Amino acid sequence: MNRERRKVATGETVYGEGDPFQYLHAIRSGTLKSSLALPG
């Protein structure tokens, strides 16, 4: 299943809050950050 690979550049969004859930993302290399939107 892991044949489709995706390269993301620094600062690029992997998925956004509210985006449809289709994939789990296995990290082959690099570092990601997740965040939640708060009031204000």
PDB file of all heavy atoms in Angstrom:
ATOM      1  N   MET A   1       0.816  -1.218   0.000  1.00  0.00           N
ATOM      2  CA  MET A   1       0.000   0.000   0.000  1.00  0.00           C
ATOM      3  C   MET A   1       0.846   1.263   0.000  1.00  0.00           C
ATOM      4  O   MET A   1       0.359   2.343  -0.257  1.00  0.00           O
ATOM      5  CB  MET A   1      -0.929   0.012   1.216  1.00  0.00           C
ATOM      6  CG  MET A   1      -2.055  -0.989   1.123  1.00  0.00           C
ATOM      7  SD  MET A   1      -3.260  -0.755   2.455  1.00  0.00           S
ATOM      8  CE  MET A   1      -2.306  -1.311   3.853  1.00  0.00           C
ATOM      9  N   ASN A   2       2.122   1.138   0.330  1.00  0.00           N
ATOM     10  CA  ASN A   2       2.979   2.306   0.498  1.00  0.00           C
ATOM     11  C   ASN A   2       3.653   2.750  -0.801  1.00  0.00           C
ATOM     12  O   ASN A   2       4.672   3.413  -0.767  1.00  0.00           O
ATOM     13  CB  ASN A   2       4.067   2.011   1.540  1.00  0.00           C
ATOM     14  CG  ASN A   2       3.561   2.138   2.955  1.00  0.00           C
ATOM     15  OD1 ASN A   2       2.425   2.519   3.161  1.00  0.00           O
ATOM     16  ND2 ASN A   2       4.393   1.802   3.913  1.00  0.00           N
ATOM     17  N   ARG A   3       3.074   2.399  -1.944  1.00  0.00           N
ATOM     18  CA  ARG A   3       3.713   2.745  -3.207  1.00  0.00           C
ATOM     19  C   ARG A   3       3.597   4.239  -3.505  1.00  0.00           C
ATOM     20  O   ARG A   3       4.438   4.795  -4.184  1.00  0.00           O
ATOM     21  CB  ARG A   3       3.117   1.923  -4.349  1.00  0.00           C
ATOM     22  CG  ARG A   3       3.358   0.432  -4.181  1.00  0.00           C
ATOM     23  CD  ARG A   3       2.872  -0.351  -5.385  1.00  0.00           C
ATOM     24  NE  ARG A   3       3.012  -1.783  -5.181  1.00  0.00           N
ATOM     25  CZ  ARG A   3       4.147  -2.458  -5.335  1.00  0.00           C
ATOM     26  NH1 ARG A   3       5.239  -1.808  -5.682  1.00  0.00           N
ATOM     27  NH2 ARG A   3       4.191  -3.754  -5.152  1.00  0.00           N
ATOM     28  N   GLU A   4       2.533   4.870  -3.025  1.00  0.00           N
ATOM     29  CA  GLU A   4       2.362   6.301  -3.275  1.00  0.00           C
ATOM     30  C   GLU A   4       3.132   7.093  -2.239  1.00  0.00           C
ATOM     31  O   GLU A   4       2.845   7.030  -1.049  1.00  0.00           O
ATOM     32  CB  GLU A   4       0.880   6.685  -3.230  1.00  0.00           C
ATOM     33  CG  GLU A   4       0.653   8.146  -3.615  1.00  0.00           C
ATOM     34  CD  GLU A   4      -0.810   8.516  -3.678  1.00  0.00           C
ATOM     35  OE1 GLU A   4      -1.657   7.627  -3.522  1.00  0.00           O
ATOM     36  OE2 GLU A   4      -1.086   9.713  -3.887  1.00  0.00           O
ATOM     37  N   ARG A   5       4.116   7.818  -2.684  1.00  0.00           N
ATOM     38  CA  ARG A   5       4.934   8.624  -1.785  1.00  0.00           C
ATOM     39  C   ARG A   5       4.714  10.099  -2.082  1.00  0.00           C
ATOM     40  O   ARG A   5       4.382  10.480  -3.201  1.00  0.00           O
ATOM     41  CB  ARG A   5       6.416   8.266  -1.923  1.00  0.00           C
ATOM     42  CG  ARG A   5       6.726   6.822  -1.526  1.00  0.00           C
ATOM     43  CD  ARG A   5       8.200   6.534  -1.585  1.00  0.00           C
ATOM     44  NE  ARG A   5       8.480   5.156  -1.232  1.00  0.00           N
ATOM     45  CZ  ARG A   5       9.710   4.620  -1.207  1.00  0.00           C
ATOM     46  NH1 ARG A   5      10.756   5.382  -1.521  1.00  0.00           N
ATOM     47  NH2 ARG A   5       9.877   3.362  -0.881  1.00  0.00           N
ATOM     48  N   ARG A   6       4.923  10.890  -1.053  1.00  0.00           N
ATOM     49  CA  ARG A   6       4.712  12.327  -1.196  1.00  0.00           C
ATOM     50  C   ARG A   6       5.865  13.067  -0.545  1.00  0.00           C
ATOM     51  O   ARG A   6       6.221  12.791   0.603  1.00  0.00           O
ATOM     52  CB  ARG A   6       3.394  12.735  -0.539  1.00  0.00           C
ATOM     53  CG  ARG A   6       3.114  14.225  -0.580  1.00  0.00           C
ATOM     54  CD  ARG A   6       1.847  14.580   0.173  1.00  0.00           C
ATOM     55  NE  ARG A   6       1.649  16.020   0.244  1.00  0.00           N
ATOM     56  CZ  ARG A   6       0.720  16.609   0.961  1.00  0.00           C
ATOM     57  NH1 ARG A   6      -0.126  15.872   1.677  1.00  0.00           N
ATOM     58  NH2 ARG A   6       0.611  17.928   0.971  1.00  0.00           N
ATOM     59  N   LYS A   7       6.436  13.990  -1.274  1.00  0.00           N
ATOM     60  CA  LYS A   7       7.465  14.856  -0.717  1.00  0.00           C
ATOM     61  C   LYS A   7       6.838  16.192  -0.344  1.00  0.00           C
ATOM     62  O   LYS A   7       6.080  16.765  -1.136  1.00  0.00           O
ATOM     63  CB  LYS A   7       8.603  15.055  -1.710  1.00  0.00           C
ATOM     64  CG  LYS A   7       9.407  13.789  -1.966  1.00  0.00           C
ATOM     65  CD  LYS A   7      10.596  14.051  -2.879  1.00  0.00           C
ATOM     66  CE  LYS A   7      11.425  12.773  -3.063  1.00  0.00           C
ATOM     67  NZ  LYS A   7      12.607  13.009  -3.937  1.00  0.00           N
ATOM     68  N   VAL A   8       7.127  16.659   0.858  1.00  0.00           N
ATOM     69  CA  VAL A   8       6.604  17.942   1.318  1.00  0.00           C
ATOM     70  C   VAL A   8       7.777  18.836   1.719  1.00  0.00           C
ATOM     71  O   VAL A   8       8.714  18.389   2.379  1.00  0.00           O
ATOM     72  CB  VAL A   8       5.614  17.774   2.495  1.00  0.00           C
ATOM     73  CG1 VAL A   8       4.318  17.169   2.029  1.00  0.00           C
ATOM     74  CG2 VAL A   8       6.210  16.921   3.608  1.00  0.00           C
ATOM     75  N   ALA A   9       7.712  20.065   1.300  1.00  0.00           N
ATOM     76  CA  ALA A   9       8.781  21.022   1.607  1.00  0.00           C
ATOM     77  C   ALA A   9       8.548  21.649   2.979  1.00  0.00           C
ATOM     78  O   ALA A   9       7.447  21.591   3.536  1.00  0.00           O
ATOM     79  CB  ALA A   9       8.829  22.106   0.537  1.00  0.00           C
ATOM     80  N   THR A  10       9.586  22.247   3.521  1.00  0.00           N
ATOM     81  CA  THR A  10       9.485  22.936   4.810  1.00  0.00           C
ATOM     82  C   THR A  10       8.339  23.945   4.792  1.00  0.00           C
ATOM     83  O   THR A  10       8.234  24.771   3.884  1.00  0.00           O
ATOM     84  CB  THR A  10      10.801  23.674   5.115  1.00  0.00           C
ATOM     85  OG1 THR A  10      11.885  22.750   5.090  1.00  0.00           O
ATOM     86  CG2 THR A  10      10.744  24.346   6.484  1.00  0.00           C
ATOM     87  N   GLY A  11       7.449  23.833   5.777  1.00  0.00           N
ATOM     88  CA  GLY A  11       6.314  24.740   5.870  1.00  0.00           C
ATOM     89  C   GLY A  11       5.092  24.314   5.091  1.00  0.00           C
ATOM     90  O   GLY A  11       4.019  24.918   5.238  1.00  0.00           O
ATOM     91  N   GLU A  12       5.206  23.267   4.283  1.00  0.00           N
ATOM     92  CA  GLU A  12       4.076  22.810   3.480  1.00  0.00           C
ATOM     93  C   GLU A  12       3.093  22.017   4.342  1.00  0.00           C
ATOM     94  O   GLU A  12       3.489  21.253   5.213  1.00  0.00           O
ATOM     95  CB  GLU A  12       4.565  21.952   2.316  1.00  0.00           C
ATOM     96  CG  GLU A  12       3.468  21.527   1.352  1.00  0.00           C
ATOM     97  CD  GLU A  12       3.999  20.733   0.177  1.00  0.00           C
ATOM     98  OE1 GLU A  12       5.239  20.715  -0.012  1.00  0.00           O
ATOM     99  OE2 GLU A  12       3.190  20.118  -0.534  1.00  0.00           O
ATOM    100  N   THR A  13       1.804  22.179   4.066  1.00  0.00           N
ATOM    101  CA  THR A  13       0.761  21.480   4.812  1.00  0.00           C
ATOM    102  C   THR A  13       0.586  20.057   4.301  1.00  0.00           C
ATOM    103  O   THR A  13       0.453  19.837   3.090  1.00  0.00           O
ATOM    104  CB  THR A  13      -0.582  22.226   4.693  1.00  0.00           C
ATOM    105  OG1 THR A  13      -0.435  23.535   5.258  1.00  0.00           O
ATOM    106  CG2 THR A  13      -1.690  21.492   5.427  1.00  0.00           C
ATOM    107  N   VAL A  14       0.595  19.101   5.220  1.00  0.00           N
ATOM    108  CA  VAL A  14       0.318  17.702   4.878  1.00  0.00           C
ATOM    109  C   VAL A  14      -1.189  17.502   4.789  1.00  0.00           C
ATOM    110  O   VAL A  14      -1.707  16.940   3.823  1.00  0.00           O
ATOM    111  CB  VAL A  14       0.928  16.754   5.922  1.00  0.00           C
ATOM    112  CG1 VAL A  14       0.591  15.299   5.614  1.00  0.00           C
ATOM    113  CG2 VAL A  14       2.448  16.934   5.990  1.00  0.00           C
ATOM    114  N   TYR A  15      -1.915  17.942   5.798  1.00  0.00           N
ATOM    115  CA  TYR A  15      -3.376  18.002   5.777  1.00  0.00           C
ATOM    116  C   TYR A  15      -3.806  19.105   6.732  1.00  0.00           C
ATOM    117  O   TYR A  15      -3.117  19.415   7.696  1.00  0.00           O
ATOM    118  CB  TYR A  15      -4.037  16.671   6.139  1.00  0.00           C
ATOM    119  CG  TYR A  15      -3.550  16.038   7.426  1.00  0.00           C
ATOM    120  CD1 TYR A  15      -4.019  16.467   8.665  1.00  0.00           C
ATOM    121  CD2 TYR A  15      -2.636  15.007   7.391  1.00  0.00           C
ATOM    122  CE1 TYR A  15      -3.579  15.881   9.841  1.00  0.00           C
ATOM    123  CE2 TYR A  15      -2.180  14.418   8.562  1.00  0.00           C
ATOM    124  CZ  TYR A  15      -2.654  14.852   9.773  1.00  0.00           C
ATOM    125  OH  TYR A  15      -2.207  14.282  10.939  1.00  0.00           O
ATOM    126  N   GLY A  16      -4.946  19.714   6.426  1.00  0.00           N
ATOM    127  CA  GLY A  16      -5.443  20.818   7.230  1.00  0.00           C
ATOM    128  C   GLY A  16      -6.582  20.390   8.135  1.00  0.00           C
ATOM    129  O   GLY A  16      -7.199  19.339   7.929  1.00  0.00           O
ATOM    130  N   GLU A  17      -6.858  21.206   9.121  1.00  0.00           N
ATOM    131  CA  GLU A  17      -7.980  20.943  10.014  1.00  0.00           C
ATOM    132  C   GLU A  17      -9.283  20.971   9.219  1.00  0.00           C
ATOM    133  O   GLU A  17      -9.557  21.915   8.482  1.00  0.00           O
ATOM    134  CB  GLU A  17      -8.007  21.991  11.125  1.00  0.00           C
ATOM    135  CG  GLU A  17      -9.052  21.728  12.187  1.00  0.00           C
ATOM    136  CD  GLU A  17      -8.949  22.706  13.348  1.00  0.00           C
ATOM    137  OE1 GLU A  17      -7.912  23.407  13.439  1.00  0.00           O
ATOM    138  OE2 GLU A  17      -9.898  22.771  14.145  1.00  0.00           O
ATOM    139  N   GLY A  18     -10.070  19.907   9.345  1.00  0.00           N
ATOM    140  CA  GLY A  18     -11.320  19.799   8.609  1.00  0.00           C
ATOM    141  C   GLY A  18     -11.206  19.121   7.263  1.00  0.00           C
ATOM    142  O   GLY A  18     -12.233  18.850   6.615  1.00  0.00           O
ATOM    143  N   ASP A  19      -9.976  18.818   6.815  1.00  0.00           N
ATOM    144  CA  ASP A  19      -9.811  18.114   5.539  1.00  0.00           C
ATOM    145  C   ASP A  19     -10.358  16.694   5.634  1.00  0.00           C
ATOM    146  O   ASP A  19     -10.273  16.058   6.691  1.00  0.00           O
ATOM    147  CB  ASP A  19      -8.331  18.052   5.156  1.00  0.00           C
ATOM    148  CG  ASP A  19      -7.804  19.367   4.621  1.00  0.00           C
ATOM    149  OD1 ASP A  19      -8.615  20.306   4.461  1.00  0.00           O
ATOM    150  OD2 ASP A  19      -6.592  19.459   4.366  1.00  0.00           O
ATOM    151  N   PRO A  20     -10.902  16.163   4.530  1.00  0.00           N
ATOM    152  CA  PRO A  20     -11.389  14.776   4.537  1.00  0.00           C
ATOM    153  C   PRO A  20     -10.265  13.799   4.897  1.00  0.00           C
ATOM    154  O   PRO A  20      -9.121  13.977   4.470  1.00  0.00           O
ATOM    155  CB  PRO A  20     -11.864  14.557   3.102  1.00  0.00           C
ATOM    156  CG  PRO A  20     -12.148  15.922   2.581  1.00  0.00           C
ATOM    157  CD  PRO A  20     -11.145  16.828   3.242  1.00  0.00           C
ATOM    158  N   PHE A  21     -10.603  12.800   5.700  1.00  0.00           N
ATOM    159  CA  PHE A  21      -9.640  11.782   6.119  1.00  0.00           C
ATOM    160  C   PHE A  21      -9.623  10.657   5.091  1.00  0.00           C
ATOM    161  O   PHE A  21     -10.626   9.974   4.896  1.00  0.00           O
ATOM    162  CB  PHE A  21     -10.030  11.244   7.497  1.00  0.00           C
ATOM    163  CG  PHE A  21      -9.242  10.040   7.931  1.00  0.00           C
ATOM    164  CD1 PHE A  21      -7.865  10.076   7.981  1.00  0.00           C
ATOM    165  CD2 PHE A  21      -9.896   8.869   8.293  1.00  0.00           C
ATOM    166  CE1 PHE A  21      -7.132   8.973   8.386  1.00  0.00           C
ATOM    167  CE2 PHE A  21      -9.172   7.752   8.707  1.00  0.00           C
ATOM    168  CZ  PHE A  21      -7.790   7.805   8.747  1.00  0.00           C
ATOM    169  N   GLN A  22      -8.478  10.488   4.438  1.00  0.00           N
ATOM    170  CA  GLN A  22      -8.318   9.426   3.457  1.00  0.00           C
ATOM    171  C   GLN A  22      -7.125   8.531   3.758  1.00  0.00           C
ATOM    172  O   GLN A  22      -7.178   7.330   3.491  1.00  0.00           O
ATOM    173  CB  GLN A  22      -8.143  10.029   2.055  1.00  0.00           C
ATOM    174  CG  GLN A  22      -9.356  10.784   1.537  1.00  0.00           C
ATOM    175  CD  GLN A  22      -9.079  11.401   0.189  1.00  0.00           C
ATOM    176  OE1 GLN A  22      -8.256  12.322   0.050  1.00  0.00           O
ATOM    177  NE2 GLN A  22      -9.745  10.877  -0.833  1.00  0.00           N
ATOM    178  N   TYR A  23      -6.073   9.124   4.283  1.00  0.00           N
ATOM    179  CA  TYR A  23      -4.824   8.390   4.433  1.00  0.00           C
ATOM    180  C   TYR A  23      -4.272   8.500   5.855  1.00  0.00           C
ATOM    181  O   TYR A  23      -4.469   9.504   6.532  1.00  0.00           O
ATOM    182  CB  TYR A  23      -3.739   8.954   3.496  1.00  0.00           C
ATOM    183  CG  TYR A  23      -4.089   8.943   2.034  1.00  0.00           C
ATOM    184  CD1 TYR A  23      -4.582  10.093   1.415  1.00  0.00           C
ATOM    185  CD2 TYR A  23      -3.905   7.799   1.266  1.00  0.00           C
ATOM    186  CE1 TYR A  23      -4.892  10.099   0.064  1.00  0.00           C
ATOM    187  CE2 TYR A  23      -4.216   7.796  -0.090  1.00  0.00           C
ATOM    188  CZ  TYR A  23      -4.704   8.946  -0.680  1.00  0.00           C
ATOM    189  OH  TYR A  23      -5.014   8.952  -2.016  1.00  0.00           O
ATOM    190  N   LEU A  24      -3.542   7.476   6.253  1.00  0.00           N
ATOM    191  CA  LEU A  24      -2.538   7.615   7.295  1.00  0.00           C
ATOM    192  C   LEU A  24      -1.227   7.915   6.591  1.00  0.00           C
ATOM    193  O   LEU A  24      -1.004   7.470   5.455  1.00  0.00           O
ATOM    194  CB  LEU A  24      -2.416   6.325   8.114  1.00  0.00           C
ATOM    195  CG  LEU A  24      -3.643   5.947   8.952  1.00  0.00           C
ATOM    196  CD1 LEU A  24      -3.417   4.610   9.635  1.00  0.00           C
ATOM    197  CD2 LEU A  24      -3.974   7.018   9.975  1.00  0.00           C
ATOM    198  N   HIS A  25      -0.364   8.670   7.235  1.00  0.00           N
ATOM    199  CA  HIS A  25       0.891   9.089   6.617  1.00  0.00           C
ATOM    200  C   HIS A  25       2.068   8.525   7.425  1.00  0.00           C
ATOM    201  O   HIS A  25       2.265   8.907   8.579  1.00  0.00           O
ATOM    202  CB  HIS A  25       0.989  10.614   6.572  1.00  0.00           C
ATOM    203  CG  HIS A  25      -0.082  11.266   5.757  1.00  0.00           C
ATOM    204  ND1 HIS A  25      -1.380  11.407   6.217  1.00  0.00           N
ATOM    205  CD2 HIS A  25      -0.066  11.809   4.511  1.00  0.00           C
ATOM    206  CE1 HIS A  25      -2.102  12.012   5.297  1.00  0.00           C
ATOM    207  NE2 HIS A  25      -1.340  12.267   4.261  1.00  0.00           N
ATOM    208  N   ALA A  26       2.813   7.620   6.814  1.00  0.00           N
ATOM    209  CA  ALA A  26       4.018   7.069   7.438  1.00  0.00           C
ATOM    210  C   ALA A  26       5.205   7.945   7.041  1.00  0.00           C
ATOM    211  O   ALA A  26       5.447   8.174   5.852  1.00  0.00           O
ATOM    212  CB  ALA A  26       4.245   5.628   6.997  1.00  0.00           C
ATOM    213  N   ILE A  27       5.925   8.449   8.029  1.00  0.00           N
ATOM    214  CA  ILE A  27       7.030   9.379   7.775  1.00  0.00           C
ATOM    215  C   ILE A  27       8.297   8.586   7.449  1.00  0.00           C
ATOM    216  O   ILE A  27       8.824   7.864   8.292  1.00  0.00           O
ATOM    217  CB  ILE A  27       7.277  10.295   8.984  1.00  0.00           C
ATOM    218  CG1 ILE A  27       5.979  10.991   9.396  1.00  0.00           C
ATOM    219  CG2 ILE A  27       8.357  11.323   8.664  1.00  0.00           C
ATOM    220  CD1 ILE A  27       6.093  11.754  10.698  1.00  0.00           C
ATOM    221  N   ARG A  28       8.774   8.704   6.227  1.00  0.00           N
ATOM    222  CA  ARG A  28      10.027   8.045   5.820  1.00  0.00           C
ATOM    223  C   ARG A  28      11.237   8.877   6.226  1.00  0.00           C
ATOM    224  O   ARG A  28      12.266   8.341   6.625  1.00  0.00           O
ATOM    225  CB  ARG A  28      10.043   7.821   4.308  1.00  0.00           C
ATOM    226  CG  ARG A  28       9.094   6.729   3.832  1.00  0.00           C
ATOM    227  CD  ARG A  28       9.160   6.570   2.325  1.00  0.00           C
ATOM    228  NE  ARG A  28      10.515   6.349   1.855  1.00  0.00           N
ATOM    229  CZ  ARG A  28      11.101   5.157   1.808  1.00  0.00           C
ATOM    230  NH1 ARG A  28      10.459   4.088   2.225  1.00  0.00           N
ATOM    231  NH2 ARG A  28      12.334   5.032   1.343  1.00  0.00           N
ATOM    232  N   SER A  29      11.112  10.189   6.110  1.00  0.00           N
ATOM    233  CA  SER A  29      12.207  11.077   6.512  1.00  0.00           C
ATOM    234  C   SER A  29      11.621  12.440   6.836  1.00  0.00           C
ATOM    235  O   SER A  29      10.557  12.815   6.335  1.00  0.00           O
ATOM    236  CB  SER A  29      13.260  11.207   5.399  1.00  0.00           C
ATOM    237  OG  SER A  29      12.694  11.795   4.239  1.00  0.00           O
ATOM    238  N   GLY A  30      12.325  13.183   7.700  1.00  0.00           N
ATOM    239  CA  GLY A  30      11.883  14.522   8.034  1.00  0.00           C
ATOM    240  C   GLY A  30      11.150  14.610   9.364  1.00  0.00           C
ATOM    241  O   GLY A  30      11.103  13.648  10.138  1.00  0.00           O
ATOM    242  N   THR A  31      10.556  15.770   9.614  1.00  0.00           N
ATOM    243  CA  THR A  31       9.862  16.053  10.872  1.00  0.00           C
ATOM    244  C   THR A  31       8.589  16.833  10.572  1.00  0.00           C
ATOM    245  O   THR A  31       8.603  17.771   9.767  1.00  0.00           O
ATOM    246  CB  THR A  31      10.745  16.890  11.813  1.00  0.00           C
ATOM    247  OG1 THR A  31      12.021  16.261  11.953  1.00  0.00           O
ATOM    248  CG2 THR A  31      10.106  17.024  13.197  1.00  0.00           C
ATOM    249  N   LEU A  32       7.488  16.456  11.242  1.00  0.00           N
ATOM    250  CA  LEU A  32       6.207  17.137  11.079  1.00  0.00           C
ATOM    251  C   LEU A  32       5.752  17.721  12.405  1.00  0.00           C
ATOM    252  O   LEU A  32       6.189  17.293  13.467  1.00  0.00           O
ATOM    253  CB  LEU A  32       5.133  16.163  10.580  1.00  0.00           C
ATOM    254  CG  LEU A  32       5.431  15.337   9.321  1.00  0.00           C
ATOM    255  CD1 LEU A  32       4.229  14.462   8.979  1.00  0.00           C
ATOM    256  CD2 LEU A  32       5.806  16.233   8.150  1.00  0.00           C
ATOM    257  N   LYS A  33       4.848  18.698  12.312  1.00  0.00           N
ATOM    258  CA  LYS A  33       4.235  19.317  13.498  1.00  0.00           C
ATOM    259  C   LYS A  33       2.729  19.334  13.313  1.00  0.00           C
ATOM    260  O   LYS A  33       2.231  19.720  12.255  1.00  0.00           O
ATOM    261  CB  LYS A  33       4.744  20.744  13.672  1.00  0.00           C
ATOM    262  CG  LYS A  33       4.075  21.522  14.816  1.00  0.00           C
ATOM    263  CD  LYS A  33       4.447  22.998  14.779  1.00  0.00           C
ATOM    264  CE  LYS A  33       3.772  23.739  13.634  1.00  0.00           C
ATOM    265  NZ  LYS A  33       4.019  25.205  13.662  1.00  0.00           N
ATOM    266  N   SER A  34       1.993  18.907  14.353  1.00  0.00           N
ATOM    267  CA  SER A  34       0.538  18.995  14.345  1.00  0.00           C
ATOM    268  C   SER A  34       0.084  20.101  15.290  1.00  0.00           C
ATOM    269  O   SER A  34       0.720  20.343  16.318  1.00  0.00           O
ATOM    270  CB  SER A  34      -0.093  17.664  14.777  1.00  0.00           C
ATOM    271  OG  SER A  34       0.210  16.645  13.850  1.00  0.00           O
ATOM    272  N   SER A  35      -1.013  20.768  14.950  1.00  0.00           N
ATOM    273  CA  SER A  35      -1.518  21.845  15.807  1.00  0.00           C
ATOM    274  C   SER A  35      -3.037  21.910  15.726  1.00  0.00           C
ATOM    275  O   SER A  35      -3.661  21.452  14.754  1.00  0.00           O
ATOM    276  CB  SER A  35      -0.922  23.190  15.401  1.00  0.00           C
ATOM    277  OG  SER A  35      -1.253  23.503  14.063  1.00  0.00           O
ATOM    278  N   LEU A  36      -3.633  22.486  16.766  1.00  0.00           N
ATOM    279  CA  LEU A  36      -5.073  22.653  16.870  1.00  0.00           C
ATOM    280  C   LEU A  36      -5.412  24.138  16.892  1.00  0.00           C
ATOM    281  O   LEU A  36      -4.677  24.937  17.486  1.00  0.00           O
ATOM    282  CB  LEU A  36      -5.598  21.988  18.143  1.00  0.00           C
ATOM    283  CG  LEU A  36      -5.374  20.485  18.281  1.00  0.00           C
ATOM    284  CD1 LEU A  36      -5.662  20.042  19.712  1.00  0.00           C
ATOM    285  CD2 LEU A  36      -6.235  19.719  17.300  1.00  0.00           C
ATOM    286  N   ALA A  37      -6.522  24.506  16.263  1.00  0.00           N
ATOM    287  CA  ALA A  37      -6.976  25.895  16.286  1.00  0.00           C
ATOM    288  C   ALA A  37      -7.748  26.157  17.568  1.00  0.00           C
ATOM    289  O   ALA A  37      -8.611  25.372  17.955  1.00  0.00           O
ATOM    290  CB  ALA A  37      -7.854  26.174  15.075  1.00  0.00           C
ATOM    291  N   LEU A  38      -7.427  27.271  18.248  1.00  0.00           N
ATOM    292  CA  LEU A  38      -8.094  27.660  19.491  1.00  0.00           C
ATOM    293  C   LEU A  38      -8.918  28.921  19.252  1.00  0.00           C
ATOM    294  O   LEU A  38      -8.717  29.629  18.255  1.00  0.00           O
ATOM    295  CB  LEU A  38      -7.041  27.911  20.579  1.00  0.00           C
ATOM    296  CG  LEU A  38      -6.144  26.736  20.956  1.00  0.00           C
ATOM    297  CD1 LEU A  38      -5.138  27.181  22.013  1.00  0.00           C
ATOM    298  CD2 LEU A  38      -6.952  25.547  21.428  1.00  0.00           C
ATOM    299  N   PRO A  39      -9.840  29.232  20.164  1.00  0.00           N
ATOM    300  CA  PRO A  39     -10.615  30.476  20.022  1.00  0.00           C
ATOM    301  C   PRO A  39      -9.695  31.693  19.940  1.00  0.00           C
ATOM    302  O   PRO A  39      -8.630  31.735  20.571  1.00  0.00           O
ATOM    303  CB  PRO A  39     -11.454  30.501  21.300  1.00  0.00           C
ATOM    304  CG  PRO A  39     -11.594  29.068  21.692  1.00  0.00           C
ATOM    305  CD  PRO A  39     -10.289  28.424  21.318  1.00  0.00           C
ATOM    306  N   GLY A  40     -10.100  32.667  19.171  1.00  0.00           N
ATOM    307  CA  GLY A  40      -9.306  33.882  19.032  1.00  0.00           C
ATOM    308  C   GLY A  40      -8.214  33.787  17.992  1.00  0.00           C
ATOM    309  O   GLY A  40      -7.355  34.676  17.900  1.00  0.00           O
TER     310      GLY A  40
END
